[in-house]
């Protein structure tokens, strides 16, 4: 019997590069998703345990995605087409 707890690093972020909707899969409940540009400015914030975020309105470029879950956070880089 496997009693290991889910790790906060067990996230799948796809597709990357992304055109419109970014999907996030993992076992922990998400409290918020934040999207930052390369200058560190908050561009988009979504609250609640949603496993998708629509970034279709953002210009093409590289963005940082910050996922908050429980008392942890994890950061990913994505490319927006």
Protein backbone atom coordinates (compact mmCIF):
# COMPACT_ATOMS: atom_id res chain seq x y z
CA UNK A 1 0.00 0.00 0.00
CA UNK A 2 1.43 3.35 -1.05
CA UNK A 3 0.97 5.97 1.68
CA UNK A 4 3.10 8.69 0.10
CA UNK A 5 1.55 12.14 0.17
CA UNK A 6 1.33 14.07 -3.09
CA UNK A 7 4.30 16.32 -3.66
CA UNK A 8 3.79 19.97 -4.50
CA UNK A 9 6.20 19.53 -7.39
CA UNK A 10 3.95 16.91 -9.03
CA UNK A 11 2.32 19.38 -11.45
CA UNK A 12 1.77 19.06 -15.17
CA UNK A 13 1.43 22.35 -17.02
CA UNK A 14 0.32 21.95 -20.65
CA UNK A 15 0.43 22.78 -23.47
CA UNK A 16 3.65 24.74 -23.49
CA UNK A 17 3.83 26.72 -25.73
CA UNK A 18 0.19 27.72 -25.22
CA UNK A 19 -2.21 29.71 -27.41
CA UNK A 20 -5.31 30.10 -25.25
CA UNK A 21 -6.07 27.80 -22.32
CA UNK A 22 -3.34 26.48 -20.04
CA UNK A 23 -4.19 23.26 -18.19
CA UNK A 24 -2.80 22.40 -14.78
CA UNK A 25 -3.02 18.92 -13.33
CA UNK A 26 -1.95 17.78 -9.90
CA UNK A 27 -3.31 16.24 -6.73
CA UNK A 28 -3.37 19.31 -4.48
CA UNK A 29 -6.14 21.90 -4.37
CA UNK A 30 -5.09 25.16 -5.98
CA UNK A 31 -5.89 28.34 -4.06
CA UNK A 32 -4.72 30.74 -6.79
CA UNK A 33 -2.88 31.00 -10.09
CA UNK A 34 -0.91 34.15 -10.92
CA UNK A 35 0.58 35.14 -14.27
CA UNK A 36 3.57 37.52 -14.35
CA UNK A 37 5.40 39.11 -17.26
CA UNK A 38 9.21 39.07 -17.41
CA UNK A 39 9.33 42.46 -15.67
CA UNK A 40 7.69 40.87 -12.62
CA UNK A 41 4.34 42.63 -13.07
CA UNK A 42 1.20 40.71 -12.12
CA UNK A 43 -0.82 40.36 -15.34
CA UNK A 44 -3.58 37.93 -14.35
CA UNK A 45 -4.80 36.35 -11.10
CA UNK A 46 -7.35 33.59 -10.71
CA UNK A 47 -8.67 32.48 -7.33
CA UNK A 48 -10.11 29.10 -6.45
CA UNK A 49 -9.40 25.47 -7.24
CA UNK A 50 -9.56 25.81 -11.01
CA UNK A 51 -7.22 23.70 -13.11
CA UNK A 52 -7.27 25.93 -16.20
CA UNK A 53 -6.48 29.54 -16.95
CA UNK A 54 -7.30 31.34 -20.19
CA UNK A 55 -4.41 33.52 -21.34
CA UNK A 56 -5.61 33.95 -24.91
CA UNK A 57 -5.87 37.73 -24.53
CA UNK A 58 -2.19 38.13 -23.55
CA UNK A 59 0.38 39.11 -26.18
CA UNK A 60 2.87 36.50 -27.36
CA UNK A 61 5.88 36.14 -25.08
CA UNK A 62 7.34 34.38 -22.05
CA UNK A 63 5.42 34.44 -18.76
CA UNK A 64 5.89 33.11 -15.26
CA UNK A 65 3.05 31.11 -13.70
CA UNK A 66 2.87 30.99 -9.91
CA UNK A 67 0.63 28.30 -8.40
CA UNK A 68 -0.42 28.60 -4.76
CA UNK A 69 -1.69 25.47 -3.02
CA UNK A 70 -1.95 24.89 0.71
CA UNK A 71 1.03 26.70 2.26
CA UNK A 72 3.24 26.19 -0.79
CA UNK A 73 3.89 27.83 -4.11
CA UNK A 74 5.54 26.67 -7.31
CA UNK A 75 6.69 28.65 -10.33
CA UNK A 76 6.79 27.68 -14.00
CA UNK A 77 7.79 29.46 -17.21
CA UNK A 78 5.50 29.25 -20.21
CA UNK A 79 5.62 30.52 -23.76
CA UNK A 80 2.48 32.20 -25.11
CA UNK A 81 2.05 31.93 -28.89
